[in-house]
Amino acid sequence: MERGSEGGSDGLHTPPRSAVRRRFDQFAAEVAKFGAVGTAGLLVNLLVFNLVRTTTDLPVVRASVTATVVAICSNYVGFRYFTYRDRDKSGRTKELTLFLLFSAVGLVIENGVLYAATYGFGLDSPLQSNVFKFVGIGVATLFRFWSYRTWVFRTLPAREAVASAESFLEEAPLAEGRKIPEGRTQRQRVG
């Protein structure tokens, strides 16, 4: 049997496996881009953290918060113009507000881990601080990935899906078995 003709298919529908594969490939590409921006943000975060910690008298968690804020600013640019450049750009004020809100939650998660290690367990050496800063970033990254892709950088509807749905509606037979007149959509005919 030819591909697409299995199970009574007329060959017009994409087999489920290839649609799943396409979605997986898109998700993998998104994760890779998110990881690239995140890695740059991680380096910025750790560099600023260690620079502030060694050159100022700020306590560990305040130095970490300062570094996190700098990394958040650099990450927004990377996410907007690299990772999610193909996403909806219509509501930049709302996007930035949501980005800052979810970044602030990530900041609390990230620095909460460092705070617990430093003040709860007394683990305050430079190596220990960097390890717990890194662990906090990892935990916060999982939250940020989910929230950014779900709420901040929203997807646009796929053009193929919209075109396919429109052509399906125009060609679909009506309940009485009649076709929609040429030049009219089912919504126009029914409504």
N, C-alpha and C. Protein backbone atom coordinates (compact mmCIF):
# COMPACT_ATOMS: atom_id res chain seq x y z
N MET A 1 0.84 -1.19 0.00
CA MET A 1 0.00 0.00 0.00
C MET A 1 0.88 1.24 0.00
N GLU A 2 0.41 2.25 -0.62
CA GLU A 2 1.13 3.52 -0.64
C GLU A 2 0.94 4.25 0.67
N ARG A 3 1.90 5.07 0.98
CA ARG A 3 1.80 5.88 2.18
C ARG A 3 0.65 6.86 2.04
N GLY A 4 -0.14 6.99 3.06
CA GLY A 4 -1.27 7.91 3.03
C GLY A 4 -2.56 7.23 2.60
N SER A 5 -2.45 6.02 1.98
CA SER A 5 -3.68 5.34 1.58
C SER A 5 -4.07 4.27 2.58
N GLU A 6 -3.33 4.14 3.66
CA GLU A 6 -3.66 3.15 4.68
C GLU A 6 -4.91 3.57 5.44
N GLY A 7 -5.69 2.57 5.83
CA GLY A 7 -6.86 2.84 6.66
C GLY A 7 -7.92 3.67 5.97
N GLY A 8 -8.00 3.62 4.66
CA GLY A 8 -9.04 4.35 3.95
C GLY A 8 -8.73 5.83 3.76
N SER A 9 -7.53 6.23 4.04
CA SER A 9 -7.16 7.64 3.88
C SER A 9 -7.07 7.96 2.40
N ASP A 10 -7.46 9.16 2.07
CA ASP A 10 -7.44 9.56 0.67
C ASP A 10 -6.10 10.20 0.28
N GLY A 11 -5.10 10.18 1.19
CA GLY A 11 -3.80 10.73 0.87
C GLY A 11 -3.70 12.22 1.12
N LEU A 12 -4.81 12.88 1.46
CA LEU A 12 -4.78 14.32 1.69
C LEU A 12 -4.31 14.66 3.10
N HIS A 13 -4.45 13.74 4.03
CA HIS A 13 -4.08 14.00 5.41
C HIS A 13 -2.66 13.51 5.67
N THR A 14 -1.92 14.28 6.45
CA THR A 14 -0.58 13.89 6.84
C THR A 14 -0.67 12.79 7.87
N PRO A 15 0.09 11.74 7.74
CA PRO A 15 0.04 10.69 8.75
C PRO A 15 0.38 11.27 10.12
N PRO A 16 -0.26 10.77 11.17
CA PRO A 16 -0.03 11.31 12.51
C PRO A 16 1.43 11.32 12.91
N ARG A 17 2.18 10.31 12.51
CA ARG A 17 3.58 10.24 12.90
C ARG A 17 4.37 11.45 12.41
N SER A 18 4.16 11.86 11.17
CA SER A 18 4.93 12.99 10.65
C SER A 18 4.49 14.30 11.29
N ALA A 19 3.22 14.42 11.65
CA ALA A 19 2.77 15.62 12.35
C ALA A 19 3.38 15.67 13.74
N VAL A 20 3.44 14.53 14.41
CA VAL A 20 4.06 14.46 15.72
C VAL A 20 5.55 14.75 15.59
N ARG A 21 6.16 14.18 14.59
CA ARG A 21 7.60 14.41 14.36
C ARG A 21 7.89 15.88 14.10
N ARG A 22 7.05 16.53 13.31
CA ARG A 22 7.23 17.94 13.01
C ARG A 22 7.12 18.78 14.28
N ARG A 23 6.13 18.48 15.12
CA ARG A 23 5.97 19.21 16.39
C ARG A 23 7.15 18.96 17.31
N PHE A 24 7.64 17.72 17.33
CA PHE A 24 8.80 17.40 18.16
C PHE A 24 10.02 18.17 17.68
N ASP A 25 10.23 18.21 16.36
CA ASP A 25 11.37 18.94 15.80
C ASP A 25 11.28 20.43 16.13
N GLN A 26 10.09 21.00 16.05
CA GLN A 26 9.91 22.42 16.40
C GLN A 26 10.20 22.64 17.88
N PHE A 27 9.72 21.75 18.72
CA PHE A 27 9.96 21.85 20.16
C PHE A 27 11.46 21.71 20.46
N ALA A 28 12.12 20.77 19.80
CA ALA A 28 13.56 20.57 20.01
C ALA A 28 14.35 21.81 19.59
N ALA A 29 13.96 22.43 18.48
CA ALA A 29 14.63 23.65 18.04
C ALA A 29 14.40 24.78 19.04
N GLU A 30 13.18 24.87 19.58
CA GLU A 30 12.88 25.89 20.58
C GLU A 30 13.71 25.67 21.84
N VAL A 31 13.81 24.43 22.28
CA VAL A 31 14.61 24.12 23.47
C VAL A 31 16.08 24.47 23.23
N ALA A 32 16.59 24.16 22.04
CA ALA A 32 17.99 24.47 21.72
C ALA A 32 18.23 25.98 21.73
N LYS A 33 17.32 26.75 21.13
CA LYS A 33 17.47 28.21 21.13
C LYS A 33 17.34 28.78 22.53
N PHE A 34 16.37 28.26 23.30
CA PHE A 34 16.20 28.69 24.68
C PHE A 34 17.47 28.38 25.47
N GLY A 35 18.04 27.21 25.22
CA GLY A 35 19.28 26.81 25.89
C GLY A 35 20.46 27.70 25.53
N ALA A 36 20.53 28.11 24.27
CA ALA A 36 21.63 28.99 23.85
C ALA A 36 21.53 30.35 24.55
N VAL A 37 20.34 30.91 24.56
CA VAL A 37 20.14 32.20 25.25
C VAL A 37 20.34 32.00 26.75
N GLY A 38 19.82 30.91 27.27
CA GLY A 38 19.97 30.62 28.70
C GLY A 38 21.41 30.44 29.11
N THR A 39 22.21 29.79 28.26
CA THR A 39 23.63 29.61 28.56
C THR A 39 24.34 30.96 28.60
N ALA A 40 24.03 31.82 27.65
CA ALA A 40 24.61 33.17 27.67
C ALA A 40 24.17 33.91 28.94
N GLY A 41 22.88 33.78 29.29
CA GLY A 41 22.38 34.41 30.51
C GLY A 41 23.03 33.84 31.76
N LEU A 42 23.27 32.53 31.77
CA LEU A 42 23.95 31.88 32.89
C LEU A 42 25.36 32.45 33.07
N LEU A 43 26.08 32.59 31.95
CA LEU A 43 27.43 33.16 32.03
C LEU A 43 27.40 34.60 32.53
N VAL A 44 26.46 35.39 32.01
CA VAL A 44 26.32 36.77 32.48
C VAL A 44 26.01 36.78 33.97
N ASN A 45 25.08 35.95 34.37
CA ASN A 45 24.65 35.88 35.77
C ASN A 45 25.81 35.52 36.69
N LEU A 46 26.54 34.45 36.36
CA LEU A 46 27.65 34.02 37.21
C LEU A 46 28.81 35.01 37.20
N LEU A 47 29.10 35.59 36.04
CA LEU A 47 30.19 36.58 35.97
C LEU A 47 29.86 37.82 36.80
N VAL A 48 28.66 38.34 36.63
CA VAL A 48 28.27 39.53 37.40
C VAL A 48 28.21 39.19 38.89
N PHE A 49 27.69 38.02 39.24
CA PHE A 49 27.61 37.61 40.64
C PHE A 49 29.00 37.59 41.28
N ASN A 50 29.95 36.94 40.62
CA ASN A 50 31.29 36.85 41.19
C ASN A 50 32.02 38.19 41.18
N LEU A 51 31.77 39.00 40.16
CA LEU A 51 32.36 40.33 40.12
C LEU A 51 31.83 41.20 41.25
N VAL A 52 30.52 41.23 41.43
CA VAL A 52 29.92 42.03 42.50
C VAL A 52 30.34 41.49 43.87
N ARG A 53 30.39 40.19 43.99
CA ARG A 53 30.74 39.59 45.28
C ARG A 53 32.18 39.91 45.68
N THR A 54 33.10 39.95 44.73
CA THR A 54 34.51 40.19 45.05
C THR A 54 34.89 41.67 45.10
N THR A 55 34.10 42.51 44.45
CA THR A 55 34.49 43.94 44.40
C THR A 55 33.66 44.84 45.29
N THR A 56 32.61 44.29 45.90
CA THR A 56 31.76 45.11 46.78
C THR A 56 31.58 44.40 48.12
N ASP A 57 30.97 45.09 49.04
CA ASP A 57 30.67 44.51 50.34
C ASP A 57 29.23 44.01 50.43
N LEU A 58 28.57 43.87 49.30
CA LEU A 58 27.18 43.39 49.32
C LEU A 58 27.13 41.97 49.85
N PRO A 59 26.11 41.67 50.63
CA PRO A 59 25.92 40.27 51.05
C PRO A 59 25.66 39.37 49.84
N VAL A 60 25.87 38.07 50.03
CA VAL A 60 25.80 37.10 48.93
C VAL A 60 24.49 37.17 48.16
N VAL A 61 23.38 37.16 48.85
CA VAL A 61 22.09 37.12 48.15
C VAL A 61 21.82 38.43 47.41
N ARG A 62 22.22 39.54 47.97
CA ARG A 62 22.04 40.83 47.25
C ARG A 62 22.90 40.86 46.00
N ALA A 63 24.11 40.35 46.09
CA ALA A 63 24.97 40.28 44.90
C ALA A 63 24.33 39.37 43.85
N SER A 64 23.71 38.30 44.31
CA SER A 64 23.04 37.38 43.41
C SER A 64 21.83 38.02 42.74
N VAL A 65 21.05 38.75 43.52
CA VAL A 65 19.88 39.43 42.95
C VAL A 65 20.32 40.44 41.90
N THR A 66 21.38 41.18 42.17
CA THR A 66 21.92 42.14 41.20
C THR A 66 22.30 41.43 39.90
N ALA A 67 23.00 40.31 40.03
CA ALA A 67 23.43 39.55 38.85
C ALA A 67 22.22 39.00 38.09
N THR A 68 21.22 38.55 38.82
CA THR A 68 20.02 37.99 38.18
C THR A 68 19.30 39.07 37.37
N VAL A 69 19.20 40.27 37.91
CA VAL A 69 18.54 41.37 37.20
C VAL A 69 19.29 41.69 35.90
N VAL A 70 20.61 41.73 35.94
CA VAL A 70 21.39 41.98 34.73
C VAL A 70 21.15 40.86 33.71
N ALA A 71 21.14 39.62 34.17
CA ALA A 71 20.90 38.48 33.27
C ALA A 71 19.49 38.52 32.67
N ILE A 72 18.51 38.92 33.46
CA ILE A 72 17.13 39.02 32.95
C ILE A 72 17.07 40.01 31.79
N CYS A 73 17.74 41.14 31.94
CA CYS A 73 17.75 42.14 30.86
C CYS A 73 18.39 41.59 29.59
N SER A 74 19.53 40.92 29.73
CA SER A 74 20.19 40.37 28.54
C SER A 74 19.37 39.22 27.94
N ASN A 75 18.72 38.43 28.79
CA ASN A 75 17.91 37.33 28.28
C ASN A 75 16.69 37.80 27.50
N TYR A 76 16.07 38.89 27.92
CA TYR A 76 14.90 39.37 27.18
C TYR A 76 15.27 39.65 25.73
N VAL A 77 16.39 40.31 25.54
CA VAL A 77 16.83 40.62 24.18
C VAL A 77 17.06 39.33 23.39
N GLY A 78 17.71 38.36 24.00
CA GLY A 78 17.96 37.09 23.32
C GLY A 78 16.69 36.32 23.02
N PHE A 79 15.77 36.30 23.97
CA PHE A 79 14.53 35.56 23.74
C PHE A 79 13.67 36.24 22.68
N ARG A 80 13.52 37.54 22.75
CA ARG A 80 12.65 38.25 21.81
C ARG A 80 13.21 38.21 20.40
N TYR A 81 14.53 38.39 20.24
CA TYR A 81 15.09 38.54 18.90
C TYR A 81 15.78 37.28 18.37
N PHE A 82 15.84 36.21 19.17
CA PHE A 82 16.44 34.97 18.69
C PHE A 82 15.50 33.78 18.90
N THR A 83 15.25 33.43 20.13
CA THR A 83 14.46 32.23 20.42
C THR A 83 13.03 32.35 19.93
N TYR A 84 12.38 33.46 20.26
CA TYR A 84 10.95 33.63 19.95
C TYR A 84 10.71 34.74 18.94
N ARG A 85 11.62 34.92 18.01
CA ARG A 85 11.46 36.01 17.03
C ARG A 85 10.27 35.81 16.11
N ASP A 86 9.81 34.55 15.96
CA ASP A 86 8.68 34.27 15.08
C ASP A 86 7.35 34.32 15.80
N ARG A 87 7.35 34.68 17.05
CA ARG A 87 6.12 34.69 17.85
C ARG A 87 5.43 36.04 17.74
N ASP A 88 4.22 36.09 18.25
CA ASP A 88 3.37 37.28 18.21
C ASP A 88 4.11 38.49 18.80
N LYS A 89 4.15 39.58 18.04
CA LYS A 89 4.83 40.80 18.48
C LYS A 89 3.86 41.95 18.70
N SER A 90 2.58 41.66 18.71
CA SER A 90 1.58 42.73 18.72
C SER A 90 1.47 43.45 20.05
N GLY A 91 1.65 42.77 21.16
CA GLY A 91 1.45 43.39 22.46
C GLY A 91 2.74 43.48 23.25
N ARG A 92 3.68 44.31 22.80
CA ARG A 92 4.99 44.38 23.45
C ARG A 92 4.90 44.81 24.91
N THR A 93 4.01 45.72 25.26
CA THR A 93 3.90 46.17 26.65
C THR A 93 3.44 45.00 27.52
N LYS A 94 2.42 44.30 27.07
CA LYS A 94 1.94 43.14 27.81
C LYS A 94 3.02 42.06 27.88
N GLU A 95 3.70 41.83 26.77
CA GLU A 95 4.76 40.83 26.73
C GLU A 95 5.86 41.16 27.74
N LEU A 96 6.31 42.40 27.74
CA LEU A 96 7.37 42.81 28.66
C LEU A 96 6.91 42.73 30.11
N THR A 97 5.67 43.12 30.37
CA THR A 97 5.13 43.04 31.72
C THR A 97 5.09 41.59 32.21
N LEU A 98 4.59 40.69 31.36
CA LEU A 98 4.56 39.28 31.73
C LEU A 98 5.97 38.70 31.88
N PHE A 99 6.86 39.10 30.99
CA PHE A 99 8.25 38.64 31.07
C PHE A 99 8.86 39.05 32.41
N LEU A 100 8.67 40.29 32.78
CA LEU A 100 9.22 40.77 34.06
C LEU A 100 8.56 40.08 35.25
N LEU A 101 7.26 39.86 35.17
CA LEU A 101 6.56 39.17 36.25
C LEU A 101 7.09 37.75 36.44
N PHE A 102 7.16 36.98 35.36
CA PHE A 102 7.64 35.60 35.47
C PHE A 102 9.14 35.56 35.78
N SER A 103 9.89 36.55 35.30
CA SER A 103 11.31 36.63 35.64
C SER A 103 11.49 36.91 37.12
N ALA A 104 10.61 37.73 37.67
CA ALA A 104 10.69 38.02 39.11
C ALA A 104 10.41 36.76 39.93
N VAL A 105 9.45 35.95 39.48
CA VAL A 105 9.19 34.67 40.17
C VAL A 105 10.43 33.78 40.06
N GLY A 106 11.03 33.74 38.88
CA GLY A 106 12.27 32.97 38.70
C GLY A 106 13.39 33.51 39.58
N LEU A 107 13.47 34.81 39.73
CA LEU A 107 14.46 35.44 40.60
C LEU A 107 14.28 34.96 42.04
N VAL A 108 13.05 34.91 42.50
CA VAL A 108 12.76 34.45 43.87
C VAL A 108 13.13 32.98 44.02
N ILE A 109 12.80 32.16 43.03
CA ILE A 109 13.16 30.73 43.09
C ILE A 109 14.67 30.58 43.14
N GLU A 110 15.34 31.23 42.19
CA GLU A 110 16.80 31.12 42.08
C GLU A 110 17.50 31.57 43.35
N ASN A 111 17.12 32.72 43.84
CA ASN A 111 17.81 33.27 45.00
C ASN A 111 17.28 32.69 46.31
N GLY A 112 16.10 32.09 46.28
CA GLY A 112 15.61 31.37 47.45
C GLY A 112 16.47 30.16 47.76
N VAL A 113 16.91 29.47 46.72
CA VAL A 113 17.81 28.32 46.92
C VAL A 113 19.13 28.81 47.54
N LEU A 114 19.67 29.89 47.01
CA LEU A 114 20.92 30.44 47.53
C LEU A 114 20.74 30.95 48.97
N TYR A 115 19.63 31.59 49.22
CA TYR A 115 19.34 32.09 50.57
C TYR A 115 19.26 30.95 51.58
N ALA A 116 18.55 29.87 51.21
CA ALA A 116 18.42 28.72 52.11
C ALA A 116 19.79 28.10 52.39
N ALA A 117 20.62 27.99 51.37
CA ALA A 117 21.95 27.40 51.56
C ALA A 117 22.83 28.31 52.43
N THR A 118 22.78 29.61 52.16
CA THR A 118 23.65 30.55 52.86
C THR A 118 23.21 30.78 54.30
N TYR A 119 21.95 31.12 54.49
CA TYR A 119 21.50 31.50 55.82
C TYR A 119 20.84 30.35 56.58
N GLY A 120 20.32 29.37 55.88
CA GLY A 120 19.70 28.23 56.55
C GLY A 120 20.71 27.16 56.94
N PHE A 121 21.70 26.94 56.07
CA PHE A 121 22.67 25.87 56.32
C PHE A 121 24.09 26.38 56.53
N GLY A 122 24.30 27.70 56.43
CA GLY A 122 25.63 28.27 56.67
C GLY A 122 26.66 27.95 55.60
N LEU A 123 26.22 27.61 54.40
CA LEU A 123 27.12 27.27 53.30
C LEU A 123 27.43 28.55 52.52
N ASP A 124 28.54 29.21 52.90
CA ASP A 124 28.80 30.56 52.39
C ASP A 124 30.16 30.73 51.72
N SER A 125 30.89 29.66 51.48
CA SER A 125 32.17 29.83 50.80
C SER A 125 31.90 30.22 49.35
N PRO A 126 32.87 30.80 48.67
CA PRO A 126 32.66 31.15 47.26
C PRO A 126 32.25 29.94 46.41
N LEU A 127 32.86 28.78 46.63
CA LEU A 127 32.49 27.60 45.85
C LEU A 127 31.05 27.17 46.17
N GLN A 128 30.71 27.12 47.43
CA GLN A 128 29.36 26.73 47.83
C GLN A 128 28.32 27.71 47.28
N SER A 129 28.62 28.98 47.35
CA SER A 129 27.69 29.99 46.83
C SER A 129 27.47 29.81 45.33
N ASN A 130 28.54 29.53 44.59
CA ASN A 130 28.41 29.33 43.15
C ASN A 130 27.64 28.05 42.83
N VAL A 131 27.86 27.00 43.61
CA VAL A 131 27.14 25.75 43.39
C VAL A 131 25.64 25.97 43.61
N PHE A 132 25.28 26.62 44.72
CA PHE A 132 23.85 26.82 45.01
C PHE A 132 23.23 27.89 44.11
N LYS A 133 24.00 28.83 43.67
CA LYS A 133 23.51 29.79 42.67
C LYS A 133 23.18 29.03 41.39
N PHE A 134 24.07 28.13 40.98
CA PHE A 134 23.87 27.33 39.78
C PHE A 134 22.64 26.43 39.91
N VAL A 135 22.48 25.78 41.06
CA VAL A 135 21.32 24.92 41.30
C VAL A 135 20.04 25.76 41.24
N GLY A 136 20.05 26.94 41.87
CA GLY A 136 18.89 27.83 41.84
C GLY A 136 18.54 28.27 40.43
N ILE A 137 19.55 28.56 39.65
CA ILE A 137 19.31 28.94 38.25
C ILE A 137 18.66 27.78 37.50
N GLY A 138 19.13 26.56 37.76
CA GLY A 138 18.57 25.39 37.08
C GLY A 138 17.09 25.19 37.40
N VAL A 139 16.75 25.29 38.67
CA VAL A 139 15.34 25.12 39.07
C VAL A 139 14.49 26.25 38.47
N ALA A 140 14.98 27.47 38.55
CA ALA A 140 14.23 28.61 38.02
C ALA A 140 14.10 28.54 36.50
N THR A 141 15.08 27.95 35.83
CA THR A 141 15.04 27.83 34.37
C THR A 141 13.87 26.97 33.91
N LEU A 142 13.60 25.91 34.62
CA LEU A 142 12.45 25.06 34.26
C LEU A 142 11.15 25.86 34.33
N PHE A 143 10.99 26.64 35.39
CA PHE A 143 9.80 27.48 35.51
C PHE A 143 9.76 28.53 34.41
N ARG A 144 10.89 29.17 34.14
CA ARG A 144 10.93 30.23 33.13
C ARG A 144 10.61 29.69 31.74
N PHE A 145 11.17 28.54 31.39
CA PHE A 145 10.89 27.97 30.07
C PHE A 145 9.40 27.76 29.89
N TRP A 146 8.77 27.12 30.87
CA TRP A 146 7.33 26.87 30.79
C TRP A 146 6.56 28.18 30.70
N SER A 147 6.85 29.13 31.57
CA SER A 147 6.05 30.35 31.61
C SER A 147 6.29 31.24 30.39
N TYR A 148 7.51 31.34 29.92
CA TYR A 148 7.78 32.19 28.75
C TYR A 148 7.08 31.65 27.52
N ARG A 149 7.19 30.34 27.29
CA ARG A 149 6.60 29.79 26.06
C ARG A 149 5.08 29.74 26.17
N THR A 150 4.53 29.64 27.38
CA THR A 150 3.09 29.52 27.55
C THR A 150 2.40 30.88 27.61
N TRP A 151 2.99 31.82 28.30
CA TRP A 151 2.30 33.09 28.57
C TRP A 151 2.94 34.31 27.93
N VAL A 152 4.25 34.35 27.79
CA VAL A 152 4.91 35.58 27.36
C VAL A 152 5.04 35.64 25.84
N PHE A 153 5.74 34.70 25.25
CA PHE A 153 5.98 34.70 23.81
C PHE A 153 5.01 33.71 23.17
N ARG A 154 3.78 34.16 22.97
CA ARG A 154 2.70 33.29 22.50
C ARG A 154 2.86 33.00 21.01
N THR A 155 2.45 31.81 20.62
CA THR A 155 2.56 31.40 19.22
C THR A 155 1.45 32.03 18.39
N LEU A 156 1.78 32.25 17.16
CA LEU A 156 0.77 32.67 16.19
C LEU A 156 0.13 31.42 15.61
N PRO A 157 -1.12 31.49 15.15
CA PRO A 157 -1.71 30.30 14.55
C PRO A 157 -0.92 29.90 13.30
N ALA A 158 -0.75 28.62 13.11
CA ALA A 158 -0.01 28.13 11.94
C ALA A 158 -0.78 28.47 10.68
N ARG A 159 -0.11 29.04 9.73
CA ARG A 159 -0.77 29.44 8.47
C ARG A 159 -1.37 28.26 7.74
N GLU A 160 -0.61 27.13 7.76
CA GLU A 160 -1.14 25.95 7.05
C GLU A 160 -2.42 25.46 7.71
N ALA A 161 -2.45 25.47 9.04
CA ALA A 161 -3.63 24.98 9.76
C ALA A 161 -4.84 25.86 9.47
N VAL A 162 -4.64 27.15 9.45
CA VAL A 162 -5.73 28.08 9.16
C VAL A 162 -6.22 27.89 7.72
N ALA A 163 -5.29 27.80 6.78
CA ALA A 163 -5.67 27.62 5.38
C ALA A 163 -6.37 26.28 5.18
N SER A 164 -5.87 25.24 5.84
CA SER A 164 -6.50 23.93 5.73
C SER A 164 -7.91 23.94 6.31
N ALA A 165 -8.08 24.56 7.46
CA ALA A 165 -9.40 24.61 8.08
C ALA A 165 -10.37 25.41 7.22
N GLU A 166 -9.90 26.52 6.65
CA GLU A 166 -10.78 27.33 5.79
C GLU A 166 -11.19 26.55 4.55
N SER A 167 -10.24 25.84 3.92
CA SER A 167 -10.59 25.09 2.71
C SER A 167 -11.50 23.92 3.06
N PHE A 168 -11.30 23.30 4.22
CA PHE A 168 -12.18 22.21 4.66
C PHE A 168 -13.60 22.71 4.86
N LEU A 169 -13.74 23.86 5.49
CA LEU A 169 -15.08 24.41 5.73
C LEU A 169 -15.77 24.78 4.43
N GLU A 170 -15.00 25.29 3.48
CA GLU A 170 -15.61 25.68 2.21
C GLU A 170 -16.03 24.46 1.39
N GLU A 171 -15.33 23.33 1.54
CA GLU A 171 -15.63 22.15 0.76
C GLU A 171 -16.53 21.16 1.50
N ALA A 172 -16.75 21.36 2.78
CA ALA A 172 -17.53 20.40 3.57
C ALA A 172 -18.99 20.41 3.14
N PRO A 173 -19.58 19.22 3.03
CA PRO A 173 -21.01 19.17 2.68
C PRO A 173 -21.86 19.62 3.85
N LEU A 174 -22.99 20.19 3.55
CA LEU A 174 -23.91 20.62 4.59
C LEU A 174 -24.64 19.42 5.15
N ALA A 175 -25.34 19.61 6.25
CA ALA A 175 -26.07 18.51 6.90
C ALA A 175 -27.07 17.86 5.96
N GLU A 176 -27.69 18.64 5.07
CA GLU A 176 -28.68 18.10 4.16
C GLU A 176 -28.03 17.39 2.98
N GLY A 177 -26.70 17.38 2.90
CA GLY A 177 -26.02 16.70 1.80
C GLY A 177 -25.71 17.62 0.64
N ARG A 178 -26.02 18.89 0.76
CA ARG A 178 -25.74 19.82 -0.33
C ARG A 178 -24.40 20.49 -0.10
N LYS A 179 -23.77 20.92 -1.16
CA LYS A 179 -22.52 21.68 -1.09
C LYS A 179 -22.83 23.16 -0.90
N ILE A 180 -21.87 23.86 -0.33
CA ILE A 180 -22.00 25.31 -0.15
C ILE A 180 -21.86 25.97 -1.52
N PRO A 181 -22.71 26.92 -1.84
CA PRO A 181 -22.60 27.60 -3.13
C PRO A 181 -21.22 28.24 -3.28
N GLU A 182 -20.76 28.26 -4.51
CA GLU A 182 -19.47 28.85 -4.85
C GLU A 182 -19.37 30.28 -4.31
N GLY A 183 -18.25 30.59 -3.71
CA GLY A 183 -18.02 31.96 -3.22
C GLY A 183 -18.56 32.22 -1.83
N ARG A 184 -19.20 31.23 -1.17
CA ARG A 184 -19.74 31.42 0.17
C ARG A 184 -19.11 30.41 1.11
N THR A 185 -18.93 30.78 2.35
CA THR A 185 -18.41 29.85 3.35
C THR A 185 -19.57 29.19 4.06
N GLN A 186 -19.29 28.11 4.79
CA GLN A 186 -20.36 27.41 5.52
C GLN A 186 -20.97 28.34 6.55
N ARG A 187 -20.16 29.15 7.20
CA ARG A 187 -20.67 30.08 8.20
C ARG A 187 -21.69 31.05 7.57
N GLN A 188 -21.38 31.55 6.36
CA GLN A 188 -22.29 32.45 5.68
C GLN A 188 -23.58 31.71 5.29
N ARG A 189 -23.44 30.47 4.84
CA ARG A 189 -24.59 29.70 4.37
C ARG A 189 -25.52 29.32 5.53
N VAL A 190 -24.90 28.88 6.64
CA VAL A 190 -25.70 28.43 7.77
C VAL A 190 -26.25 29.62 8.54
N GLY A 191 -25.40 30.61 8.80
CA GLY A 191 -25.78 31.74 9.66
C GLY A 191 -26.56 32.73 8.90
